Protein backbone atom coordinates (compact mmCIF):
# COMPACT_ATOMS: atom_id res chain seq x y z
CA MET A 1 151.72 21.03 -17.61
CA VAL A 2 152.09 17.88 -19.72
CA ALA A 3 150.07 17.02 -22.81
CA ALA A 4 149.91 13.48 -24.14
CA GLY A 5 148.32 11.61 -27.01
CA LEU A 6 147.59 7.87 -27.19
CA PRO A 7 146.05 6.25 -30.31
CA GLY A 8 143.28 3.66 -30.25
CA ASP A 9 145.60 0.64 -30.28
CA GLY A 10 147.58 1.94 -27.28
CA ASN A 11 150.98 1.15 -28.84
CA ALA A 12 152.24 4.70 -29.35
CA LEU A 13 152.50 7.67 -27.03
CA ALA A 14 153.36 11.32 -27.68
CA VAL A 15 154.24 13.46 -24.67
CA GLY A 16 154.47 17.24 -24.92
CA ALA A 17 157.16 19.11 -23.00
CA PRO A 18 156.32 22.80 -23.61
CA PHE A 19 159.09 24.08 -21.33
CA GLU A 20 161.89 22.04 -22.95
CA ASP A 21 164.83 24.25 -24.03
CA GLY A 22 166.28 22.71 -27.21
CA SER A 23 167.01 24.86 -30.26
CA GLY A 24 166.97 22.11 -32.93
CA THR A 25 164.32 21.72 -35.62
CA GLY A 26 162.23 18.83 -36.88
CA ILE A 27 162.49 15.19 -35.91
CA GLY A 28 165.68 13.81 -34.42
CA SER A 29 167.65 16.99 -33.74
CA LEU A 30 170.12 16.92 -30.88
CA PRO A 31 168.91 18.33 -27.55
CA ASP A 32 170.64 21.41 -26.14
CA GLU A 33 169.65 24.26 -23.83
CA LEU A 34 169.75 27.23 -26.25
CA ALA A 35 166.05 28.11 -26.70
CA PRO A 36 164.34 28.39 -23.28
CA ASP A 37 160.73 27.14 -23.21
CA SER A 38 160.68 26.51 -26.97
CA GLY A 39 159.15 23.07 -26.26
CA ALA A 40 159.42 19.55 -27.65
CA VAL A 41 157.49 16.32 -28.01
CA TYR A 42 158.81 12.88 -27.12
CA PHE A 43 157.36 9.98 -29.15
CA TYR A 44 157.35 6.45 -27.73
CA ALA A 45 156.28 3.08 -29.15
CA ARG A 46 155.40 -0.15 -27.35
CA SER A 47 156.57 -3.47 -28.70
CA ALA A 48 156.18 -6.77 -26.85
CA GLY A 49 155.09 -4.85 -23.75
CA THR A 50 158.18 -2.61 -23.66
CA TRP A 51 158.10 1.15 -24.28
CA SER A 52 161.02 2.85 -26.06
CA GLN A 53 161.60 6.40 -27.25
CA GLN A 54 161.36 6.59 -31.04
CA ALA A 55 161.68 10.33 -31.69
CA TYR A 56 162.51 13.72 -30.22
CA VAL A 57 160.33 16.22 -32.11
CA LYS A 58 160.80 19.98 -32.41
CA ALA A 59 158.98 22.60 -34.48
CA SER A 60 159.86 22.44 -38.19
CA ASN A 61 160.67 26.14 -38.24
CA LEU A 62 163.27 27.70 -35.93
CA PRO A 63 162.20 27.13 -32.30
CA GLU A 64 162.37 30.31 -30.28
CA PHE A 65 162.11 31.45 -26.67
CA ASN A 66 158.70 30.70 -25.15
CA ASP A 67 156.98 29.19 -28.25
CA GLN A 68 155.88 26.30 -25.98
CA PHE A 69 155.71 23.70 -28.76
CA GLY A 70 154.04 20.65 -27.19
CA THR A 71 151.42 22.54 -25.17
CA SER A 72 148.84 20.31 -26.83
CA VAL A 73 149.41 16.93 -28.52
CA ALA A 74 147.14 14.56 -30.44
CA LEU A 75 147.73 11.28 -32.28
CA SER A 76 145.47 9.84 -34.97
CA GLY A 77 143.68 6.59 -34.17
CA ASP A 78 146.34 4.53 -35.96
CA GLY A 79 149.23 6.51 -34.41
CA ASN A 80 150.64 7.61 -37.78
CA THR A 81 149.77 11.32 -37.62
CA LEU A 82 150.89 13.66 -34.85
CA ALA A 83 149.43 17.14 -34.27
CA VAL A 84 151.34 19.49 -31.95
CA GLY A 85 150.24 22.90 -30.67
CA ALA A 86 152.70 25.72 -30.00
CA ARG A 87 150.70 28.09 -27.83
CA PHE A 88 152.94 31.15 -28.14
CA GLU A 89 154.49 30.74 -31.62
CA ASP A 90 154.83 34.22 -33.20
CA GLY A 91 154.19 33.58 -36.91
CA SER A 92 151.68 35.67 -38.83
CA SER A 93 151.17 33.17 -41.68
CA THR A 94 147.75 31.75 -42.38
CA GLY A 95 146.88 28.41 -43.89
CA ILE A 96 149.28 25.53 -44.45
CA ASP A 97 153.06 25.90 -44.99
CA GLY A 98 153.17 29.67 -44.58
CA THR A 99 156.43 31.57 -44.59
CA PRO A 100 157.90 31.68 -41.06
CA ASP A 101 158.19 35.11 -39.45
CA ASN A 102 157.72 36.68 -36.02
CA LEU A 103 155.16 39.35 -36.86
CA ALA A 104 152.23 38.17 -34.70
CA VAL A 105 153.31 37.91 -31.07
CA ASP A 106 151.87 34.83 -29.33
CA ALA A 107 149.54 33.98 -32.23
CA GLY A 108 150.08 30.21 -31.81
CA ALA A 109 150.44 27.46 -34.37
CA VAL A 110 149.72 23.79 -35.04
CA TYR A 111 152.25 21.43 -36.65
CA LEU A 112 151.43 18.11 -38.35
CA TYR A 113 153.85 15.19 -38.65
């Protein structure tokens, strides 16, 4: 399963990789294989007809086994805002910027960048 987002101008692309195994957090962490199926998103930009990877994106809280960050991906029309779904994230927080925990098994979450 691959999710992708492409804005209206077609010069950016976000590709979800929900089964990626890296344990880093946020944008630009180093890939490893320590958190199976935690998920990631790869962000690409096109300039002069050439695509290049601009960012490796992980959840802003600690990625954990089977969170599947990147199950769904959307980009705003101008490509400046990225929304990423983590289908099986376990946090029980509600609203925006809740305190991370693992009290609601497979509750899911959405992250905005």
